[in-house]
Amino acid sequence: MKPRINMITLGVQDLERAISFYEEGLELPRKPFEGNVAFFELKSSWLALYPWDALAQDATLDSQGEGFRGVTLAHAVSSKEQVDQALNQAVGAGATLVKPAQDVFWGGYSGYFSDPDGHLWEVAWNPHFWPGPKDD
């Protein structure tokens, strides 16, 4: 079985401008992929959890906000069954199911949950593209 890959997805207003920024401004290596999405490899990434109010204060923002925040986190798995398993496991641990797993327009299978703090996660299987290392 392939290992799972976590991915951070940012909602952007202008995809071409954002691609240019991440390629040229931050010099992130872009993965070859066709379609209305761009993937960049982030090596040695960590997921950090920090108290909500303290993080907002650090960013000098109001900690009270509602609605879509323009960011989703993604959890890539290697089968439809793993999507269902991961969603069930997350809900069992306290997540809220936002969108049940289903076949999606790009040919994969995915669903969404929000973690206990309201952060939106997609769990997805993509039969056309594996974002992990080639030897997996």
N, C-alpha and C. Protein backbone atom coordinates (compact mmCIF):
# COMPACT_ATOMS: atom_id res chain seq x y z
N MET A 1 0.84 -1.18 0.00
CA MET A 1 0.00 0.00 0.00
C MET A 1 0.88 1.25 0.00
N LYS A 2 0.50 2.24 -0.79
CA LYS A 2 1.22 3.50 -0.84
C LYS A 2 1.00 4.27 0.45
N PRO A 3 2.00 5.01 0.90
CA PRO A 3 1.79 5.85 2.08
C PRO A 3 0.83 6.98 1.74
N ARG A 4 0.29 7.56 2.75
CA ARG A 4 -0.61 8.70 2.56
C ARG A 4 0.21 9.97 2.44
N ILE A 5 -0.30 10.90 1.66
CA ILE A 5 0.36 12.18 1.44
C ILE A 5 -0.59 13.29 1.87
N ASN A 6 -0.13 14.22 2.67
CA ASN A 6 -0.93 15.37 3.05
C ASN A 6 -0.58 16.55 2.15
N MET A 7 -1.58 17.34 1.83
CA MET A 7 -1.39 18.44 0.91
C MET A 7 -2.15 19.66 1.44
N ILE A 8 -1.55 20.82 1.33
CA ILE A 8 -2.21 22.07 1.68
C ILE A 8 -2.73 22.68 0.39
N THR A 9 -4.01 23.05 0.36
CA THR A 9 -4.61 23.65 -0.83
C THR A 9 -5.06 25.07 -0.50
N LEU A 10 -4.59 26.03 -1.26
CA LEU A 10 -4.96 27.42 -1.06
C LEU A 10 -5.93 27.85 -2.15
N GLY A 11 -7.04 28.44 -1.78
CA GLY A 11 -7.94 29.03 -2.77
C GLY A 11 -7.35 30.34 -3.23
N VAL A 12 -7.22 30.54 -4.53
CA VAL A 12 -6.61 31.76 -5.07
C VAL A 12 -7.59 32.46 -6.00
N GLN A 13 -7.50 33.78 -6.07
CA GLN A 13 -8.39 34.57 -6.93
C GLN A 13 -7.93 34.54 -8.39
N ASP A 14 -6.62 34.48 -8.63
CA ASP A 14 -6.06 34.51 -9.98
C ASP A 14 -5.00 33.42 -10.06
N LEU A 15 -5.35 32.29 -10.68
CA LEU A 15 -4.46 31.12 -10.69
C LEU A 15 -3.12 31.43 -11.36
N GLU A 16 -3.12 32.10 -12.49
CA GLU A 16 -1.86 32.38 -13.18
C GLU A 16 -0.96 33.29 -12.35
N ARG A 17 -1.54 34.29 -11.72
CA ARG A 17 -0.75 35.18 -10.85
C ARG A 17 -0.16 34.39 -9.68
N ALA A 18 -0.97 33.51 -9.11
CA ALA A 18 -0.51 32.70 -7.97
C ALA A 18 0.60 31.74 -8.40
N ILE A 19 0.45 31.11 -9.56
CA ILE A 19 1.49 30.21 -10.06
C ILE A 19 2.80 30.97 -10.22
N SER A 20 2.73 32.13 -10.82
CA SER A 20 3.92 32.95 -11.00
C SER A 20 4.56 33.30 -9.67
N PHE A 21 3.73 33.67 -8.70
CA PHE A 21 4.25 34.02 -7.38
C PHE A 21 5.00 32.85 -6.74
N TYR A 22 4.38 31.67 -6.73
CA TYR A 22 5.01 30.53 -6.06
C TYR A 22 6.21 29.98 -6.83
N GLU A 23 6.18 30.07 -8.18
CA GLU A 23 7.33 29.62 -8.97
C GLU A 23 8.48 30.61 -8.88
N GLU A 24 8.18 31.88 -9.08
CA GLU A 24 9.23 32.89 -9.15
C GLU A 24 9.51 33.55 -7.80
N GLY A 25 8.45 33.86 -7.07
CA GLY A 25 8.62 34.56 -5.81
C GLY A 25 9.19 33.69 -4.70
N LEU A 26 8.73 32.45 -4.64
CA LEU A 26 9.22 31.55 -3.58
C LEU A 26 10.09 30.42 -4.11
N GLU A 27 10.24 30.35 -5.43
CA GLU A 27 11.06 29.33 -6.09
C GLU A 27 10.68 27.91 -5.69
N LEU A 28 9.37 27.66 -5.57
CA LEU A 28 8.92 26.30 -5.28
C LEU A 28 8.89 25.50 -6.57
N PRO A 29 9.34 24.25 -6.53
CA PRO A 29 9.32 23.43 -7.74
C PRO A 29 7.90 22.98 -8.09
N ARG A 30 7.48 23.33 -9.30
CA ARG A 30 6.13 22.98 -9.76
C ARG A 30 6.14 21.58 -10.35
N LYS A 31 5.14 20.80 -9.98
CA LYS A 31 4.98 19.45 -10.49
C LYS A 31 4.26 19.51 -11.83
N PRO A 32 4.69 18.73 -12.82
CA PRO A 32 3.97 18.73 -14.10
C PRO A 32 2.58 18.13 -13.94
N PHE A 33 1.58 18.89 -14.36
CA PHE A 33 0.19 18.45 -14.25
C PHE A 33 -0.66 19.37 -15.10
N GLU A 34 -1.56 18.80 -15.87
CA GLU A 34 -2.45 19.61 -16.70
C GLU A 34 -3.78 19.79 -15.99
N GLY A 35 -4.41 20.89 -16.24
CA GLY A 35 -5.70 21.15 -15.64
C GLY A 35 -5.72 22.48 -14.91
N ASN A 36 -6.83 22.78 -14.30
CA ASN A 36 -7.04 24.05 -13.63
C ASN A 36 -6.58 23.99 -12.18
N VAL A 37 -5.35 23.52 -11.99
CA VAL A 37 -4.76 23.38 -10.67
C VAL A 37 -3.25 23.36 -10.84
N ALA A 38 -2.53 23.78 -9.85
CA ALA A 38 -1.07 23.71 -9.88
C ALA A 38 -0.60 23.05 -8.59
N PHE A 39 0.38 22.18 -8.71
CA PHE A 39 0.95 21.49 -7.56
C PHE A 39 2.41 21.88 -7.42
N PHE A 40 2.82 22.14 -6.19
CA PHE A 40 4.20 22.46 -5.87
C PHE A 40 4.68 21.50 -4.80
N GLU A 41 5.91 21.03 -4.95
CA GLU A 41 6.45 20.09 -3.97
C GLU A 41 7.00 20.84 -2.77
N LEU A 42 6.58 20.40 -1.60
CA LEU A 42 7.08 20.95 -0.34
C LEU A 42 7.80 19.82 0.38
N LYS A 43 9.10 19.90 0.46
CA LYS A 43 9.85 18.84 1.12
C LYS A 43 10.01 19.16 2.60
N SER A 44 10.02 18.14 3.39
CA SER A 44 10.24 18.26 4.83
C SER A 44 9.24 19.19 5.49
N SER A 45 7.99 19.10 5.10
CA SER A 45 6.95 19.94 5.69
C SER A 45 6.44 19.34 6.99
N TRP A 46 6.02 20.19 7.87
CA TRP A 46 5.40 19.79 9.12
C TRP A 46 4.04 20.45 9.21
N LEU A 47 3.14 19.83 9.90
CA LEU A 47 1.86 20.44 10.23
C LEU A 47 1.99 20.95 11.66
N ALA A 48 1.77 22.24 11.85
CA ALA A 48 1.86 22.83 13.18
C ALA A 48 0.46 23.14 13.68
N LEU A 49 0.20 22.85 14.94
CA LEU A 49 -1.05 23.21 15.60
C LEU A 49 -0.72 24.23 16.68
N TYR A 50 -1.47 25.32 16.69
CA TYR A 50 -1.17 26.43 17.58
C TYR A 50 -2.50 26.99 18.07
N PRO A 51 -2.60 27.45 19.30
CA PRO A 51 -3.88 27.97 19.79
C PRO A 51 -4.45 29.05 18.87
N TRP A 52 -5.73 28.91 18.55
CA TRP A 52 -6.42 29.78 17.60
C TRP A 52 -6.23 31.26 17.93
N ASP A 53 -6.57 31.65 19.16
CA ASP A 53 -6.48 33.06 19.54
C ASP A 53 -5.04 33.58 19.49
N ALA A 54 -4.10 32.74 19.92
CA ALA A 54 -2.70 33.16 19.91
C ALA A 54 -2.18 33.32 18.48
N LEU A 55 -2.61 32.44 17.59
CA LEU A 55 -2.18 32.54 16.19
C LEU A 55 -2.77 33.79 15.54
N ALA A 56 -4.05 34.07 15.81
CA ALA A 56 -4.66 35.29 15.28
C ALA A 56 -3.95 36.53 15.82
N GLN A 57 -3.64 36.51 17.10
CA GLN A 57 -2.93 37.63 17.70
C GLN A 57 -1.56 37.81 17.06
N ASP A 58 -0.87 36.70 16.84
CA ASP A 58 0.45 36.76 16.22
C ASP A 58 0.37 37.37 14.82
N ALA A 59 -0.71 37.06 14.10
CA ALA A 59 -0.90 37.60 12.75
C ALA A 59 -1.58 38.97 12.77
N THR A 60 -1.86 39.48 13.95
CA THR A 60 -2.57 40.75 14.16
C THR A 60 -3.93 40.78 13.47
N LEU A 61 -4.66 39.66 13.60
CA LEU A 61 -5.99 39.53 13.03
C LEU A 61 -7.01 39.25 14.13
N ASP A 62 -8.27 39.57 13.84
CA ASP A 62 -9.37 39.25 14.74
C ASP A 62 -9.56 37.74 14.74
N SER A 63 -9.63 37.13 15.89
CA SER A 63 -9.76 35.67 15.97
C SER A 63 -11.17 35.18 15.66
N GLN A 64 -12.14 36.08 15.60
CA GLN A 64 -13.52 35.70 15.33
C GLN A 64 -13.83 35.87 13.85
N GLY A 65 -13.95 34.75 13.14
CA GLY A 65 -14.27 34.80 11.72
C GLY A 65 -15.12 33.60 11.36
N GLU A 66 -15.95 33.75 10.36
CA GLU A 66 -16.83 32.67 9.96
C GLU A 66 -16.76 32.46 8.46
N GLY A 67 -17.22 31.30 8.00
CA GLY A 67 -17.31 31.02 6.59
C GLY A 67 -16.04 30.42 6.03
N PHE A 68 -16.01 30.27 4.72
CA PHE A 68 -14.85 29.70 4.06
C PHE A 68 -13.66 30.63 4.20
N ARG A 69 -12.54 30.08 4.58
CA ARG A 69 -11.35 30.88 4.84
C ARG A 69 -10.37 30.87 3.68
N GLY A 70 -10.71 30.18 2.57
CA GLY A 70 -9.83 30.16 1.42
C GLY A 70 -8.71 29.15 1.50
N VAL A 71 -8.76 28.26 2.49
CA VAL A 71 -7.71 27.25 2.66
C VAL A 71 -8.35 25.91 2.97
N THR A 72 -7.89 24.87 2.30
CA THR A 72 -8.24 23.50 2.70
C THR A 72 -6.95 22.71 2.83
N LEU A 73 -6.99 21.72 3.67
CA LEU A 73 -5.89 20.77 3.78
C LEU A 73 -6.37 19.50 3.10
N ALA A 74 -5.47 18.79 2.45
CA ALA A 74 -5.86 17.58 1.73
C ALA A 74 -5.09 16.39 2.26
N HIS A 75 -5.75 15.27 2.30
CA HIS A 75 -5.17 14.01 2.73
C HIS A 75 -5.36 13.04 1.57
N ALA A 76 -4.27 12.76 0.83
CA ALA A 76 -4.34 11.89 -0.34
C ALA A 76 -4.13 10.44 0.07
N VAL A 77 -4.99 9.57 -0.41
CA VAL A 77 -4.89 8.14 -0.13
C VAL A 77 -4.90 7.38 -1.44
N SER A 78 -4.66 6.07 -1.39
CA SER A 78 -4.45 5.32 -2.62
C SER A 78 -5.64 4.47 -3.07
N SER A 79 -6.84 4.68 -2.51
CA SER A 79 -8.01 3.94 -2.97
C SER A 79 -9.29 4.61 -2.48
N LYS A 80 -10.40 4.28 -3.15
CA LYS A 80 -11.70 4.78 -2.69
C LYS A 80 -11.99 4.30 -1.28
N GLU A 81 -11.66 3.05 -1.02
CA GLU A 81 -11.92 2.48 0.31
C GLU A 81 -11.18 3.26 1.39
N GLN A 82 -9.96 3.69 1.09
CA GLN A 82 -9.20 4.47 2.08
C GLN A 82 -9.83 5.85 2.31
N VAL A 83 -10.46 6.42 1.28
CA VAL A 83 -11.18 7.69 1.46
C VAL A 83 -12.28 7.49 2.50
N ASP A 84 -13.10 6.45 2.28
CA ASP A 84 -14.19 6.17 3.21
C ASP A 84 -13.67 5.89 4.62
N GLN A 85 -12.61 5.10 4.72
CA GLN A 85 -12.04 4.76 6.02
C GLN A 85 -11.53 6.02 6.74
N ALA A 86 -10.81 6.87 6.00
CA ALA A 86 -10.25 8.07 6.62
C ALA A 86 -11.35 9.03 7.08
N LEU A 87 -12.40 9.19 6.26
CA LEU A 87 -13.52 10.05 6.66
C LEU A 87 -14.20 9.50 7.91
N ASN A 88 -14.45 8.20 7.92
CA ASN A 88 -15.09 7.59 9.09
C ASN A 88 -14.22 7.73 10.33
N GLN A 89 -12.91 7.54 10.17
CA GLN A 89 -11.99 7.66 11.31
C GLN A 89 -11.99 9.10 11.84
N ALA A 90 -11.98 10.08 10.94
CA ALA A 90 -11.97 11.48 11.36
C ALA A 90 -13.26 11.83 12.10
N VAL A 91 -14.39 11.41 11.54
CA VAL A 91 -15.68 11.69 12.19
C VAL A 91 -15.74 11.00 13.55
N GLY A 92 -15.23 9.78 13.61
CA GLY A 92 -15.20 9.06 14.89
C GLY A 92 -14.34 9.74 15.93
N ALA A 93 -13.37 10.53 15.48
CA ALA A 93 -12.48 11.23 16.40
C ALA A 93 -12.96 12.64 16.72
N GLY A 94 -14.12 13.04 16.19
CA GLY A 94 -14.67 14.34 16.54
C GLY A 94 -14.83 15.31 15.39
N ALA A 95 -14.47 14.92 14.16
CA ALA A 95 -14.65 15.80 13.01
C ALA A 95 -16.13 15.86 12.62
N THR A 96 -16.48 16.85 11.83
CA THR A 96 -17.82 16.98 11.28
C THR A 96 -17.77 16.69 9.79
N LEU A 97 -18.59 15.77 9.32
CA LEU A 97 -18.63 15.47 7.90
C LEU A 97 -19.27 16.66 7.18
N VAL A 98 -18.56 17.21 6.20
CA VAL A 98 -19.03 18.37 5.45
C VAL A 98 -19.60 17.93 4.10
N LYS A 99 -18.91 17.02 3.43
CA LYS A 99 -19.34 16.50 2.12
C LYS A 99 -19.02 15.02 2.10
N PRO A 100 -20.03 14.17 2.02
CA PRO A 100 -19.75 12.72 1.97
C PRO A 100 -18.90 12.37 0.75
N ALA A 101 -18.13 11.31 0.86
CA ALA A 101 -17.28 10.87 -0.25
C ALA A 101 -18.14 10.54 -1.45
N GLN A 102 -17.65 10.95 -2.63
CA GLN A 102 -18.37 10.72 -3.87
C GLN A 102 -17.41 10.81 -5.04
N ASP A 103 -17.82 10.23 -6.18
CA ASP A 103 -17.07 10.40 -7.41
C ASP A 103 -17.12 11.89 -7.77
N VAL A 104 -15.98 12.44 -8.20
CA VAL A 104 -15.91 13.87 -8.48
C VAL A 104 -15.57 14.13 -9.94
N PHE A 105 -15.80 15.36 -10.39
CA PHE A 105 -15.71 15.73 -11.79
C PHE A 105 -14.36 15.44 -12.42
N TRP A 106 -13.28 15.45 -11.66
CA TRP A 106 -11.95 15.25 -12.22
C TRP A 106 -11.56 13.77 -12.29
N GLY A 107 -12.48 12.88 -11.96
CA GLY A 107 -12.24 11.45 -12.12
C GLY A 107 -11.83 10.72 -10.86
N GLY A 108 -11.71 11.43 -9.77
CA GLY A 108 -11.33 10.80 -8.52
C GLY A 108 -12.52 10.59 -7.60
N TYR A 109 -12.23 10.46 -6.34
CA TYR A 109 -13.24 10.18 -5.31
C TYR A 109 -12.80 10.95 -4.08
N SER A 110 -13.70 11.77 -3.52
CA SER A 110 -13.28 12.56 -2.37
C SER A 110 -14.47 12.98 -1.52
N GLY A 111 -14.16 13.39 -0.32
CA GLY A 111 -15.13 13.94 0.61
C GLY A 111 -14.42 14.95 1.49
N TYR A 112 -15.19 15.71 2.27
CA TYR A 112 -14.63 16.75 3.14
C TYR A 112 -15.14 16.59 4.56
N PHE A 113 -14.26 16.93 5.50
CA PHE A 113 -14.66 17.05 6.89
C PHE A 113 -14.03 18.31 7.46
N SER A 114 -14.59 18.79 8.56
CA SER A 114 -13.94 19.88 9.29
C SER A 114 -13.48 19.32 10.62
N ASP A 115 -12.27 19.71 11.00
CA ASP A 115 -11.73 19.23 12.27
C ASP A 115 -12.44 19.96 13.42
N PRO A 116 -12.15 19.60 14.67
CA PRO A 116 -12.86 20.23 15.78
C PRO A 116 -12.74 21.75 15.86
N ASP A 117 -11.72 22.32 15.19
CA ASP A 117 -11.58 23.77 15.17
C ASP A 117 -12.15 24.40 13.91
N GLY A 118 -12.78 23.60 13.05
CA GLY A 118 -13.40 24.12 11.84
C GLY A 118 -12.50 24.17 10.62
N HIS A 119 -11.28 23.63 10.72
CA HIS A 119 -10.38 23.60 9.56
C HIS A 119 -10.89 22.56 8.58
N LEU A 120 -10.98 22.93 7.31
CA LEU A 120 -11.56 22.09 6.28
C LEU A 120 -10.51 21.16 5.67
N TRP A 121 -10.80 19.86 5.67
CA TRP A 121 -9.93 18.84 5.11
C TRP A 121 -10.65 18.10 3.99
N GLU A 122 -9.95 17.86 2.89
CA GLU A 122 -10.44 16.98 1.84
C GLU A 122 -9.68 15.67 1.96
N VAL A 123 -10.39 14.55 1.85
CA VAL A 123 -9.75 13.24 1.75
C VAL A 123 -10.02 12.79 0.33
N ALA A 124 -8.95 12.50 -0.42
CA ALA A 124 -9.12 12.24 -1.85
C ALA A 124 -8.27 11.08 -2.35
N TRP A 125 -8.84 10.38 -3.33
CA TRP A 125 -8.12 9.38 -4.12
C TRP A 125 -8.14 9.86 -5.56
N ASN A 126 -6.98 9.94 -6.19
CA ASN A 126 -6.86 10.37 -7.58
C ASN A 126 -6.24 9.23 -8.38
N PRO A 127 -7.02 8.59 -9.26
CA PRO A 127 -6.48 7.48 -10.04
C PRO A 127 -5.52 7.93 -11.14
N HIS A 128 -5.43 9.24 -11.40
CA HIS A 128 -4.61 9.76 -12.49
C HIS A 128 -3.29 10.35 -12.02
N PHE A 129 -3.13 10.56 -10.72
CA PHE A 129 -1.98 11.31 -10.23
C PHE A 129 -1.70 10.94 -8.79
N TRP A 130 -0.48 10.52 -8.49
CA TRP A 130 -0.05 10.26 -7.12
C TRP A 130 0.98 11.30 -6.73
N PRO A 131 0.70 12.14 -5.73
CA PRO A 131 1.62 13.22 -5.39
C PRO A 131 2.85 12.78 -4.60
N GLY A 132 2.91 11.52 -4.24
CA GLY A 132 4.02 11.05 -3.43
C GLY A 132 5.25 10.70 -4.24
N PRO A 133 6.26 10.23 -3.56
CA PRO A 133 7.51 9.85 -4.24
C PRO A 133 7.25 8.76 -5.28
N LYS A 134 8.09 8.76 -6.33
CA LYS A 134 7.92 7.81 -7.43
C LYS A 134 8.07 6.36 -7.02
N ASP A 135 8.82 6.06 -5.97
CA ASP A 135 9.05 4.66 -5.57
C ASP A 135 7.93 4.10 -4.73
N ASP A 136 6.87 4.85 -4.50
CA ASP A 136 5.74 4.36 -3.71
C ASP A 136 4.76 3.63 -4.60
